[in-house]
Full PDB file with SEQRES, HELIX, SHEET, SSBOND, CRYST1, ORIGX, SCALE, CONECT and MASTER records, all heavy atoms in Angstrom:
SEQRES   1 A   40  GLU GLU ARG LEU LEU ARG GLU THR PHE PRO GLY LYS ILE          
SEQRES   2 A   40  ILE SER ASN PRO ASN ARG THR LEU ASP ARG ASN SER VAL          
SEQRES   3 A   40  ALA GLY MET HIS ASP ALA LEU LEU ASP LEU TYR GLY LEU          
SEQRES   4 A   40  ALA                                                          
HELIX    1 AA1 GLU A    2  THR A    8  1                                   7    
HELIX    2 AA2 VAL A   26  LEU A   39  1                                  14    
CRYST1    1.000    1.000    1.000  90.00  90.00  90.00 P 1           1          
ORIGX1      1.000000  0.000000  0.000000        0.00000                         
ORIGX2      0.000000  1.000000  0.000000        0.00000                         
ORIGX3      0.000000  0.000000  1.000000        0.00000                         
SCALE1      1.000000  0.000000  0.000000        0.00000                         
SCALE2      0.000000  1.000000  0.000000        0.00000                         
SCALE3      0.000000  0.000000  1.000000        0.00000                         
ATOM      1  N   GLU A   1     -17.756 -19.213   0.534  1.00  0.00           N  
ATOM      2  CA  GLU A   1     -18.809 -19.709  -0.353  1.00  0.00           C  
ATOM      3  C   GLU A   1     -18.717 -19.019  -1.718  1.00  0.00           C  
ATOM      4  O   GLU A   1     -18.849 -19.662  -2.762  1.00  0.00           O  
ATOM      5  CB  GLU A   1     -20.188 -19.462   0.259  1.00  0.00           C  
ATOM      6  CG  GLU A   1     -20.480 -20.270   1.492  1.00  0.00           C  
ATOM      7  CD  GLU A   1     -20.903 -21.693   1.167  1.00  0.00           C  
ATOM      8  OE1 GLU A   1     -21.501 -21.922   0.096  1.00  0.00           O  
ATOM      9  OE2 GLU A   1     -20.645 -22.584   1.993  1.00  0.00           O  
ATOM     10  N   GLU A   2     -18.494 -17.716  -1.690  1.00  0.00           N  
ATOM     11  CA  GLU A   2     -18.397 -16.991  -2.959  1.00  0.00           C  
ATOM     12  C   GLU A   2     -17.202 -17.477  -3.777  1.00  0.00           C  
ATOM     13  O   GLU A   2     -17.317 -17.670  -4.994  1.00  0.00           O  
ATOM     14  CB  GLU A   2     -18.292 -15.481  -2.708  1.00  0.00           C  
ATOM     15  CG  GLU A   2     -18.154 -14.693  -4.007  1.00  0.00           C  
ATOM     16  CD  GLU A   2     -18.328 -13.201  -3.840  1.00  0.00           C  
ATOM     17  OE1 GLU A   2     -18.934 -12.771  -2.827  1.00  0.00           O  
ATOM     18  OE2 GLU A   2     -17.871 -12.465  -4.731  1.00  0.00           O  
ATOM     19  N   ARG A   3     -16.059 -17.675  -3.130  1.00  0.00           N  
ATOM     20  CA  ARG A   3     -14.892 -18.153  -3.869  1.00  0.00           C  
ATOM     21  C   ARG A   3     -15.156 -19.515  -4.502  1.00  0.00           C  
ATOM     22  O   ARG A   3     -14.789 -19.765  -5.664  1.00  0.00           O  
ATOM     23  CB  ARG A   3     -13.676 -18.220  -2.932  1.00  0.00           C  
ATOM     24  CG  ARG A   3     -13.112 -16.855  -2.554  1.00  0.00           C  
ATOM     25  CD  ARG A   3     -11.770 -16.978  -1.863  1.00  0.00           C  
ATOM     26  NE  ARG A   3     -11.878 -17.644  -0.573  1.00  0.00           N  
ATOM     27  CZ  ARG A   3     -12.120 -16.995   0.574  1.00  0.00           C  
ATOM     28  NH1 ARG A   3     -12.291 -15.675   0.577  1.00  0.00           N  
ATOM     29  NH2 ARG A   3     -12.175 -17.671   1.719  1.00  0.00           N  
ATOM     30  N   LEU A   4     -15.821 -20.398  -3.765  1.00  0.00           N  
ATOM     31  CA  LEU A   4     -16.134 -21.726  -4.280  1.00  0.00           C  
ATOM     32  C   LEU A   4     -17.060 -21.648  -5.485  1.00  0.00           C  
ATOM     33  O   LEU A   4     -16.844 -22.329  -6.506  1.00  0.00           O  
ATOM     34  CB  LEU A   4     -16.780 -22.575  -3.181  1.00  0.00           C  
ATOM     35  CG  LEU A   4     -17.280 -23.954  -3.614  1.00  0.00           C  
ATOM     36  CD1 LEU A   4     -16.131 -24.809  -4.142  1.00  0.00           C  
ATOM     37  CD2 LEU A   4     -17.987 -24.649  -2.454  1.00  0.00           C  
ATOM     38  N   LEU A   5     -18.084 -20.808  -5.412  1.00  0.00           N  
ATOM     39  CA  LEU A   5     -19.030 -20.698  -6.522  1.00  0.00           C  
ATOM     40  C   LEU A   5     -18.378 -20.047  -7.743  1.00  0.00           C  
ATOM     41  O   LEU A   5     -18.694 -20.413  -8.885  1.00  0.00           O  
ATOM     42  CB  LEU A   5     -20.269 -19.917  -6.093  1.00  0.00           C  
ATOM     43  CG  LEU A   5     -21.182 -20.625  -5.086  1.00  0.00           C  
ATOM     44  CD1 LEU A   5     -22.446 -19.818  -4.851  1.00  0.00           C  
ATOM     45  CD2 LEU A   5     -21.543 -22.037  -5.531  1.00  0.00           C  
ATOM     46  N   ARG A   6     -17.475 -19.122  -7.518  1.00  0.00           N  
ATOM     47  CA  ARG A   6     -16.765 -18.527  -8.665  1.00  0.00           C  
ATOM     48  C   ARG A   6     -15.889 -19.568  -9.355  1.00  0.00           C  
ATOM     49  O   ARG A   6     -15.757 -19.553 -10.588  1.00  0.00           O  
ATOM     50  CB  ARG A   6     -15.931 -17.329  -8.211  1.00  0.00           C  
ATOM     51  CG  ARG A   6     -16.772 -16.097  -7.847  1.00  0.00           C  
ATOM     52  CD  ARG A   6     -15.916 -14.867  -7.629  1.00  0.00           C  
ATOM     53  NE  ARG A   6     -16.729 -13.701  -7.310  1.00  0.00           N  
ATOM     54  CZ  ARG A   6     -17.349 -12.936  -8.198  1.00  0.00           C  
ATOM     55  NH1 ARG A   6     -17.237 -13.237  -9.491  1.00  0.00           N  
ATOM     56  NH2 ARG A   6     -18.061 -11.895  -7.827  1.00  0.00           N  
ATOM     57  N   GLU A   7     -15.306 -20.464  -8.574  1.00  0.00           N  
ATOM     58  CA  GLU A   7     -14.509 -21.536  -9.175  1.00  0.00           C  
ATOM     59  C   GLU A   7     -15.388 -22.548  -9.896  1.00  0.00           C  
ATOM     60  O   GLU A   7     -15.023 -23.079 -10.948  1.00  0.00           O  
ATOM     61  CB  GLU A   7     -13.700 -22.240  -8.078  1.00  0.00           C  
ATOM     62  CG  GLU A   7     -12.611 -21.374  -7.460  1.00  0.00           C  
ATOM     63  CD  GLU A   7     -12.001 -22.020  -6.229  1.00  0.00           C  
ATOM     64  OE1 GLU A   7     -12.415 -23.158  -5.892  1.00  0.00           O  
ATOM     65  OE2 GLU A   7     -11.117 -21.394  -5.603  1.00  0.00           O  
ATOM     66  N   THR A   8     -16.562 -22.808  -9.342  1.00  0.00           N  
ATOM     67  CA  THR A   8     -17.471 -23.807  -9.914  1.00  0.00           C  
ATOM     68  C   THR A   8     -18.175 -23.274 -11.158  1.00  0.00           C  
ATOM     69  O   THR A   8     -18.415 -24.033 -12.119  1.00  0.00           O  
ATOM     70  CB  THR A   8     -18.522 -24.223  -8.873  1.00  0.00           C  
ATOM     71  OG1 THR A   8     -17.859 -24.651  -7.673  1.00  0.00           O  
ATOM     72  CG2 THR A   8     -19.392 -25.361  -9.387  1.00  0.00           C  
ATOM     73  N   PHE A   9     -18.490 -21.980 -11.159  1.00  0.00           N  
ATOM     74  CA  PHE A   9     -19.208 -21.364 -12.280  1.00  0.00           C  
ATOM     75  C   PHE A   9     -18.407 -20.162 -12.792  1.00  0.00           C  
ATOM     76  O   PHE A   9     -18.807 -19.008 -12.593  1.00  0.00           O  
ATOM     77  CB  PHE A   9     -20.614 -20.922 -11.835  1.00  0.00           C  
ATOM     78  CG  PHE A   9     -21.460 -22.031 -11.278  1.00  0.00           C  
ATOM     79  CD1 PHE A   9     -21.609 -22.198  -9.905  1.00  0.00           C  
ATOM     80  CD2 PHE A   9     -22.106 -22.920 -12.129  1.00  0.00           C  
ATOM     81  CE1 PHE A   9     -22.393 -23.210  -9.395  1.00  0.00           C  
ATOM     82  CE2 PHE A   9     -22.903 -23.948 -11.620  1.00  0.00           C  
ATOM     83  CZ  PHE A   9     -23.040 -24.096 -10.255  1.00  0.00           C  
ATOM     84  N   PRO A  10     -17.271 -20.397 -13.433  1.00  0.00           N  
ATOM     85  CA  PRO A  10     -16.420 -19.278 -13.871  1.00  0.00           C  
ATOM     86  C   PRO A  10     -17.149 -18.350 -14.832  1.00  0.00           C  
ATOM     87  O   PRO A  10     -17.807 -18.791 -15.777  1.00  0.00           O  
ATOM     88  CB  PRO A  10     -15.239 -19.987 -14.548  1.00  0.00           C  
ATOM     89  CG  PRO A  10     -15.710 -21.362 -14.850  1.00  0.00           C  
ATOM     90  CD  PRO A  10     -16.716 -21.717 -13.818  1.00  0.00           C  
ATOM     91  N   GLY A  11     -17.043 -17.067 -14.555  1.00  0.00           N  
ATOM     92  CA  GLY A  11     -17.644 -16.054 -15.414  1.00  0.00           C  
ATOM     93  C   GLY A  11     -19.137 -15.896 -15.248  1.00  0.00           C  
ATOM     94  O   GLY A  11     -19.758 -15.089 -15.956  1.00  0.00           O  
ATOM     95  N   LYS A  12     -19.749 -16.635 -14.313  1.00  0.00           N  
ATOM     96  CA  LYS A  12     -21.204 -16.612 -14.169  1.00  0.00           C  
ATOM     97  C   LYS A  12     -21.682 -15.910 -12.895  1.00  0.00           C  
ATOM     98  O   LYS A  12     -22.878 -15.702 -12.721  1.00  0.00           O  
ATOM     99  CB  LYS A  12     -21.751 -18.050 -14.164  1.00  0.00           C  
ATOM    100  CG  LYS A  12     -21.660 -18.772 -15.499  1.00  0.00           C  
ATOM    101  CD  LYS A  12     -22.616 -18.165 -16.520  1.00  0.00           C  
ATOM    102  CE  LYS A  12     -22.678 -18.967 -17.810  1.00  0.00           C  
ATOM    103  NZ  LYS A  12     -23.651 -18.393 -18.773  1.00  0.00           N  
ATOM    104  N   ILE A  13     -20.765 -15.559 -12.018  1.00  0.00           N  
ATOM    105  CA  ILE A  13     -21.145 -15.013 -10.714  1.00  0.00           C  
ATOM    106  C   ILE A  13     -20.943 -13.503 -10.686  1.00  0.00           C  
ATOM    107  O   ILE A  13     -19.862 -12.992 -10.991  1.00  0.00           O  
ATOM    108  CB  ILE A  13     -20.330 -15.659  -9.580  1.00  0.00           C  
ATOM    109  CG1 ILE A  13     -20.485 -17.178  -9.590  1.00  0.00           C  
ATOM    110  CG2 ILE A  13     -20.746 -15.076  -8.232  1.00  0.00           C  
ATOM    111  CD1 ILE A  13     -21.889 -17.675  -9.362  1.00  0.00           C  
ATOM    112  N   ILE A  14     -21.992 -12.806 -10.305  1.00  0.00           N  
ATOM    113  CA  ILE A  14     -21.953 -11.360 -10.073  1.00  0.00           C  
ATOM    114  C   ILE A  14     -22.238 -11.131  -8.587  1.00  0.00           C  
ATOM    115  O   ILE A  14     -23.090 -11.792  -8.001  1.00  0.00           O  
ATOM    116  CB  ILE A  14     -23.015 -10.631 -10.921  1.00  0.00           C  
ATOM    117  CG1 ILE A  14     -22.801 -10.878 -12.409  1.00  0.00           C  
ATOM    118  CG2 ILE A  14     -23.020  -9.131 -10.616  1.00  0.00           C  
ATOM    119  CD1 ILE A  14     -23.973 -10.440 -13.266  1.00  0.00           C  
ATOM    120  N   SER A  15     -21.513 -10.211  -7.987  1.00  0.00           N  
ATOM    121  CA  SER A  15     -21.789  -9.864  -6.594  1.00  0.00           C  
ATOM    122  C   SER A  15     -21.461  -8.401  -6.370  1.00  0.00           C  
ATOM    123  O   SER A  15     -20.840  -7.749  -7.213  1.00  0.00           O  
ATOM    124  CB  SER A  15     -20.980 -10.748  -5.635  1.00  0.00           C  
ATOM    125  OG  SER A  15     -19.589 -10.519  -5.795  1.00  0.00           O  
ATOM    126  N   ASN A  16     -21.898  -7.894  -5.243  1.00  0.00           N  
ATOM    127  CA  ASN A  16     -21.579  -6.531  -4.841  1.00  0.00           C  
ATOM    128  C   ASN A  16     -20.106  -6.505  -4.416  1.00  0.00           C  
ATOM    129  O   ASN A  16     -19.752  -7.094  -3.396  1.00  0.00           O  
ATOM    130  CB  ASN A  16     -22.496  -6.126  -3.687  1.00  0.00           C  
ATOM    131  CG  ASN A  16     -22.153  -4.772  -3.112  1.00  0.00           C  
ATOM    132  OD1 ASN A  16     -21.494  -3.952  -3.740  1.00  0.00           O  
ATOM    133  ND2 ASN A  16     -22.599  -4.541  -1.880  1.00  0.00           N  
ATOM    134  N   PRO A  17     -19.230  -5.866  -5.196  1.00  0.00           N  
ATOM    135  CA  PRO A  17     -17.788  -5.952  -4.916  1.00  0.00           C  
ATOM    136  C   PRO A  17     -17.386  -5.174  -3.670  1.00  0.00           C  
ATOM    137  O   PRO A  17     -17.996  -4.174  -3.306  1.00  0.00           O  
ATOM    138  CB  PRO A  17     -17.156  -5.344  -6.175  1.00  0.00           C  
ATOM    139  CG  PRO A  17     -18.191  -4.397  -6.692  1.00  0.00           C  
ATOM    140  CD  PRO A  17     -19.525  -5.035  -6.379  1.00  0.00           C  
ATOM    141  N   ASN A  18     -16.351  -5.666  -3.020  1.00  0.00           N  
ATOM    142  CA  ASN A  18     -15.738  -4.970  -1.872  1.00  0.00           C  
ATOM    143  C   ASN A  18     -16.751  -4.627  -0.778  1.00  0.00           C  
ATOM    144  O   ASN A  18     -16.685  -3.571  -0.161  1.00  0.00           O  
ATOM    145  CB  ASN A  18     -15.044  -3.681  -2.344  1.00  0.00           C  
ATOM    146  CG  ASN A  18     -13.991  -3.958  -3.402  1.00  0.00           C  
ATOM    147  OD1 ASN A  18     -13.214  -4.900  -3.291  1.00  0.00           O  
ATOM    148  ND2 ASN A  18     -13.981  -3.146  -4.447  1.00  0.00           N  
ATOM    149  N   ARG A  19     -17.682  -5.526  -0.565  1.00  0.00           N  
ATOM    150  CA  ARG A  19     -18.745  -5.242   0.399  1.00  0.00           C  
ATOM    151  C   ARG A  19     -18.270  -5.459   1.839  1.00  0.00           C  
ATOM    152  O   ARG A  19     -17.358  -6.233   2.102  1.00  0.00           O  
ATOM    153  CB  ARG A  19     -19.976  -6.101   0.120  1.00  0.00           C  
ATOM    154  CG  ARG A  19     -19.785  -7.595   0.219  1.00  0.00           C  
ATOM    155  CD  ARG A  19     -21.024  -8.311  -0.322  1.00  0.00           C  
ATOM    156  NE  ARG A  19     -20.930  -9.766  -0.229  1.00  0.00           N  
ATOM    157  CZ  ARG A  19     -20.301 -10.519  -1.114  1.00  0.00           C  
ATOM    158  NH1 ARG A  19     -19.699  -9.967  -2.159  1.00  0.00           N  
ATOM    159  NH2 ARG A  19     -20.284 -11.840  -0.967  1.00  0.00           N  
ATOM    160  N   THR A  20     -18.932  -4.762   2.737  1.00  0.00           N  
ATOM    161  CA  THR A  20     -18.675  -4.879   4.163  1.00  0.00           C  
ATOM    162  C   THR A  20     -19.756  -5.766   4.774  1.00  0.00           C  
ATOM    163  O   THR A  20     -20.947  -5.505   4.598  1.00  0.00           O  
ATOM    164  CB  THR A  20     -18.709  -3.493   4.824  1.00  0.00           C  
ATOM    165  OG1 THR A  20     -17.705  -2.664   4.233  1.00  0.00           O  
ATOM    166  CG2 THR A  20     -18.469  -3.589   6.319  1.00  0.00           C  
ATOM    167  N   LEU A  21     -19.352  -6.796   5.492  1.00  0.00           N  
ATOM    168  CA  LEU A  21     -20.316  -7.741   6.057  1.00  0.00           C  
ATOM    169  C   LEU A  21     -20.724  -7.381   7.482  1.00  0.00           C  
ATOM    170  O   LEU A  21     -21.683  -7.936   8.008  1.00  0.00           O  
ATOM    171  CB  LEU A  21     -19.734  -9.160   6.034  1.00  0.00           C  
ATOM    172  CG  LEU A  21     -19.429  -9.725   4.643  1.00  0.00           C  
ATOM    173  CD1 LEU A  21     -18.793 -11.102   4.774  1.00  0.00           C  
ATOM    174  CD2 LEU A  21     -20.695  -9.792   3.791  1.00  0.00           C  
ATOM    175  N   ASP A  22     -20.028  -6.448   8.103  1.00  0.00           N  
ATOM    176  CA  ASP A  22     -20.296  -6.071   9.487  1.00  0.00           C  
ATOM    177  C   ASP A  22     -21.545  -5.205   9.553  1.00  0.00           C  
ATOM    178  O   ASP A  22     -21.546  -4.069   9.065  1.00  0.00           O  
ATOM    179  CB  ASP A  22     -19.095  -5.318  10.056  1.00  0.00           C  
ATOM    180  CG  ASP A  22     -19.301  -4.902  11.502  1.00  0.00           C  
ATOM    181  OD1 ASP A  22     -20.258  -5.397  12.133  1.00  0.00           O  
ATOM    182  OD2 ASP A  22     -18.498  -4.085  12.002  1.00  0.00           O  
ATOM    183  N   ARG A  23     -22.626  -5.739  10.137  1.00  0.00           N  
ATOM    184  CA  ARG A  23     -23.880  -4.980  10.232  1.00  0.00           C  
ATOM    185  C   ARG A  23     -23.831  -3.930  11.330  1.00  0.00           C  
ATOM    186  O   ARG A  23     -24.749  -3.136  11.464  1.00  0.00           O  
ATOM    187  CB  ARG A  23     -25.050  -5.938  10.462  1.00  0.00           C  
ATOM    188  CG  ARG A  23     -25.212  -6.995   9.362  1.00  0.00           C  
ATOM    189  CD  ARG A  23     -25.443  -6.348   8.003  1.00  0.00           C  
ATOM    190  NE  ARG A  23     -25.612  -7.337   6.948  1.00  0.00           N  
ATOM    191  CZ  ARG A  23     -24.801  -7.493   5.911  1.00  0.00           C  
ATOM    192  NH1 ARG A  23     -23.725  -6.727   5.802  1.00  0.00           N  
ATOM    193  NH2 ARG A  23     -25.054  -8.379   4.974  1.00  0.00           N  
ATOM    194  N   ASN A  24     -22.747  -3.930  12.110  1.00  0.00           N  
ATOM    195  CA  ASN A  24     -22.573  -2.931  13.154  1.00  0.00           C  
ATOM    196  C   ASN A  24     -21.912  -1.677  12.588  1.00  0.00           C  
ATOM    197  O   ASN A  24     -21.041  -1.081  13.207  1.00  0.00           O  
ATOM    198  CB  ASN A  24     -21.729  -3.509  14.298  1.00  0.00           C  
ATOM    199  CG  ASN A  24     -21.746  -2.649  15.541  1.00  0.00           C  
ATOM    200  OD1 ASN A  24     -22.610  -1.790  15.708  1.00  0.00           O  
ATOM    201  ND2 ASN A  24     -20.778  -2.851  16.416  1.00  0.00           N  
ATOM    202  N   SER A  25     -22.322  -1.298  11.378  1.00  0.00           N  
ATOM    203  CA  SER A  25     -21.758  -0.130  10.708  1.00  0.00           C  
ATOM    204  C   SER A  25     -22.715   0.333   9.626  1.00  0.00           C  
ATOM    205  O   SER A  25     -23.491  -0.462   9.069  1.00  0.00           O  
ATOM    206  CB  SER A  25     -20.401  -0.459  10.071  1.00  0.00           C  
ATOM    207  OG  SER A  25     -20.567  -1.380   8.998  1.00  0.00           O  
ATOM    208  N   VAL A  26     -22.654   1.613   9.303  1.00  0.00           N  
ATOM    209  CA  VAL A  26     -23.491   2.144   8.222  1.00  0.00           C  
ATOM    210  C   VAL A  26     -23.084   1.519   6.892  1.00  0.00           C  
ATOM    211  O   VAL A  26     -23.940   1.137   6.078  1.00  0.00           O  
ATOM    212  CB  VAL A  26     -23.387   3.680   8.157  1.00  0.00           C  
ATOM    213  CG1 VAL A  26     -24.145   4.224   6.944  1.00  0.00           C  
ATOM    214  CG2 VAL A  26     -23.935   4.303   9.437  1.00  0.00           C  
ATOM    215  N   ALA A  27     -21.786   1.378   6.656  1.00  0.00           N  
ATOM    216  CA  ALA A  27     -21.313   0.786   5.400  1.00  0.00           C  
ATOM    217  C   ALA A  27     -21.834  -0.643   5.238  1.00  0.00           C  
ATOM    218  O   ALA A  27     -22.252  -1.052   4.147  1.00  0.00           O  
ATOM    219  CB  ALA A  27     -19.786   0.796   5.350  1.00  0.00           C  
ATOM    220  N   GLY A  28     -21.807  -1.402   6.326  1.00  0.00           N  
ATOM    221  CA  GLY A  28     -22.304  -2.766   6.262  1.00  0.00           C  
ATOM    222  C   GLY A  28     -23.784  -2.826   5.962  1.00  0.00           C  
ATOM    223  O   GLY A  28     -24.249  -3.698   5.209  1.00  0.00           O  
ATOM    224  N   MET A  29     -24.551  -1.907   6.512  1.00  0.00           N  
ATOM    225  CA  MET A  29     -25.989  -1.883   6.239  1.00  0.00           C  
ATOM    226  C   MET A  29     -26.281  -1.407   4.821  1.00  0.00           C  
ATOM    227  O   MET A  29     -27.233  -1.866   4.184  1.00  0.00           O  
ATOM    228  CB  MET A  29     -26.709  -1.004   7.264  1.00  0.00           C  
ATOM    229  CG  MET A  29     -26.722  -1.595   8.663  1.00  0.00           C  
ATOM    230  SD  MET A  29     -27.211  -3.347   8.711  1.00  0.00           S  
ATOM    231  CE  MET A  29     -28.762  -3.319   7.808  1.00  0.00           C  
ATOM    232  N   HIS A  30     -25.462  -0.490   4.303  1.00  0.00           N  
ATOM    233  CA  HIS A  30     -25.598  -0.098   2.898  1.00  0.00           C  
ATOM    234  C   HIS A  30     -25.424  -1.310   1.991  1.00  0.00           C  
ATOM    235  O   HIS A  30     -26.197  -1.526   1.047  1.00  0.00           O  
ATOM    236  CB  HIS A  30     -24.566   0.967   2.541  1.00  0.00           C  
ATOM    237  CG  HIS A  30     -24.919   2.331   3.018  1.00  0.00           C  
ATOM    238  ND1 HIS A  30     -24.105   3.426   2.827  1.00  0.00           N  
ATOM    239  CD2 HIS A  30     -26.005   2.801   3.687  1.00  0.00           C  
ATOM    240  CE1 HIS A  30     -24.673   4.493   3.340  1.00  0.00           C  
ATOM    241  NE2 HIS A  30     -25.823   4.145   3.876  1.00  0.00           N  
ATOM    242  N   ASP A  31     -24.429  -2.123   2.277  1.00  0.00           N  
ATOM    243  CA  ASP A  31     -24.173  -3.291   1.442  1.00  0.00           C  
ATOM    244  C   ASP A  31     -25.256  -4.350   1.609  1.00  0.00           C  
ATOM    245  O   ASP A  31     -25.607  -5.044   0.644  1.00  0.00           O  
ATOM    246  CB  ASP A  31     -22.795  -3.875   1.753  1.00  0.00           C  
ATOM    247  CG  ASP A  31     -21.665  -3.021   1.192  1.00  0.00           C  
ATOM    248  OD1 ASP A  31     -21.846  -2.450   0.097  1.00  0.00           O  
ATOM    249  OD2 ASP A  31     -20.611  -2.911   1.832  1.00  0.00           O  
ATOM    250  N   ALA A  32     -25.816  -4.478   2.804  1.00  0.00           N  
ATOM    251  CA  ALA A  32     -26.930  -5.398   3.004  1.00  0.00           C  
ATOM    252  C   ALA A  32     -28.134  -4.979   2.162  1.00  0.00           C  
ATOM    253  O   ALA A  32     -28.800  -5.819   1.530  1.00  0.00           O  
ATOM    254  CB  ALA A  32     -27.310  -5.458   4.478  1.00  0.00           C  
ATOM    255  N   LEU A  33     -28.405  -3.690   2.140  1.00  0.00           N  
ATOM    256  CA  LEU A  33     -29.535  -3.209   1.343  1.00  0.00           C  
ATOM    257  C   LEU A  33     -29.294  -3.424  -0.147  1.00  0.00           C  
ATOM    258  O   LEU A  33     -30.209  -3.816  -0.884  1.00  0.00           O  
ATOM    259  CB  LEU A  33     -29.794  -1.735   1.647  1.00  0.00           C  
ATOM    260  CG  LEU A  33     -31.041  -1.138   0.970  1.00  0.00           C  
ATOM    261  CD1 LEU A  33     -31.767  -0.200   1.925  1.00  0.00           C  
ATOM    262  CD2 LEU A  33     -30.692  -0.389  -0.312  1.00  0.00           C  
ATOM    263  N   LEU A  34     -28.056  -3.201  -0.603  1.00  0.00           N  
ATOM    264  CA  LEU A  34     -27.747  -3.446  -2.011  1.00  0.00           C  
ATOM    265  C   LEU A  34     -27.938  -4.920  -2.372  1.00  0.00           C  
ATOM    266  O   LEU A  34     -28.473  -5.241  -3.446  1.00  0.00           O  
ATOM    267  CB  LEU A  34     -26.322  -3.004  -2.323  1.00  0.00           C  
ATOM    268  CG  LEU A  34     -26.082  -1.497  -2.392  1.00  0.00           C  
ATOM    269  CD1 LEU A  34     -24.598  -1.218  -2.548  1.00  0.00           C  
ATOM    270  CD2 LEU A  34     -26.848  -0.868  -3.538  1.00  0.00           C  
ATOM    271  N   ASP A  35     -27.521  -5.812  -1.496  1.00  0.00           N  
ATOM    272  CA  ASP A  35     -27.741  -7.235  -1.745  1.00  0.00           C  
ATOM    273  C   ASP A  35     -29.235  -7.551  -1.821  1.00  0.00           C  
ATOM    274  O   ASP A  35     -29.689  -8.304  -2.694  1.00  0.00           O  
ATOM    275  CB  ASP A  35     -27.090  -8.076  -0.645  1.00  0.00           C  
ATOM    276  CG  ASP A  35     -25.611  -8.331  -0.890  1.00  0.00           C  
ATOM    277  OD1 ASP A  35     -25.110  -7.989  -1.983  1.00  0.00           O  
ATOM    278  OD2 ASP A  35     -24.947  -8.871   0.011  1.00  0.00           O  
ATOM    279  N   LEU A  36     -30.001  -7.004  -0.912  1.00  0.00           N  
ATOM    280  CA  LEU A  36     -31.438  -7.262  -0.886  1.00  0.00           C  
ATOM    281  C   LEU A  36     -32.113  -6.785  -2.168  1.00  0.00           C  
ATOM    282  O   LEU A  36     -32.870  -7.535  -2.813  1.00  0.00           O  
ATOM    283  CB  LEU A  36     -32.066  -6.574   0.327  1.00  0.00           C  
ATOM    284  CG  LEU A  36     -33.576  -6.708   0.462  1.00  0.00           C  
ATOM    285  CD1 LEU A  36     -33.975  -8.151   0.736  1.00  0.00           C  
ATOM    286  CD2 LEU A  36     -34.104  -5.780   1.564  1.00  0.00           C  
ATOM    287  N   TYR A  37     -31.847  -5.546  -2.543  1.00  0.00           N  
ATOM    288  CA  TYR A  37     -32.488  -4.997  -3.740  1.00  0.00           C  
ATOM    289  C   TYR A  37     -31.926  -5.622  -5.007  1.00  0.00           C  
ATOM    290  O   TYR A  37     -32.631  -5.730  -6.015  1.00  0.00           O  
ATOM    291  CB  TYR A  37     -32.340  -3.475  -3.755  1.00  0.00           C  
ATOM    292  CG  TYR A  37     -33.409  -2.776  -2.954  1.00  0.00           C  
ATOM    293  CD1 TYR A  37     -33.369  -2.778  -1.561  1.00  0.00           C  
ATOM    294  CD2 TYR A  37     -34.464  -2.114  -3.571  1.00  0.00           C  
ATOM    295  CE1 TYR A  37     -34.344  -2.151  -0.812  1.00  0.00           C  
ATOM    296  CE2 TYR A  37     -35.446  -1.475  -2.830  1.00  0.00           C  
ATOM    297  CZ  TYR A  37     -35.389  -1.499  -1.451  1.00  0.00           C  
ATOM    298  OH  TYR A  37     -36.368  -0.881  -0.709  1.00  0.00           O  
ATOM    299  N   GLY A  38     -30.660  -6.036  -4.974  1.00  0.00           N  
ATOM    300  CA  GLY A  38     -30.096  -6.753  -6.106  1.00  0.00           C  
ATOM    301  C   GLY A  38     -30.800  -8.078  -6.323  1.00  0.00           C  
ATOM    302  O   GLY A  38     -31.163  -8.433  -7.454  1.00  0.00           O  
ATOM    303  N   LEU A  39     -31.021  -8.837  -5.253  1.00  0.00           N  
ATOM    304  CA  LEU A  39     -31.764 -10.092  -5.370  1.00  0.00           C  
ATOM    305  C   LEU A  39     -33.164  -9.859  -5.906  1.00  0.00           C  
ATOM    306  O   LEU A  39     -33.661 -10.616  -6.759  1.00  0.00           O  
ATOM    307  CB  LEU A  39     -31.846 -10.786  -4.009  1.00  0.00           C  
ATOM    308  CG  LEU A  39     -30.551 -11.374  -3.446  1.00  0.00           C  
ATOM    309  CD1 LEU A  39     -30.774 -11.845  -2.012  1.00  0.00           C  
ATOM    310  CD2 LEU A  39     -30.038 -12.521  -4.307  1.00  0.00           C  
ATOM    311  N   ALA A  40     -33.820  -8.819  -5.421  1.00  0.00           N  
ATOM    312  CA  ALA A  40     -35.192  -8.526  -5.851  1.00  0.00           C  
ATOM    313  C   ALA A  40     -35.269  -8.149  -7.327  1.00  0.00           C  
ATOM    314  O   ALA A  40     -36.336  -8.259  -7.942  1.00  0.00           O  
ATOM    315  CB  ALA A  40     -35.782  -7.408  -4.996  1.00  0.00           C  
TER     316      ALA A  40                                                      
MASTER        0    0    0    2    0    0    0    6  315    1    0    4          
END                                                                             
């Protein structure tokens, strides 16, 4: 989804880089929290 949106809106997409999506890890939960607070 992110790759598609970057192609559709070039230069307009910001995201948390190199994030871990696995919630079964501390790193993954750190990135989940960053996404949450970033949206807020």
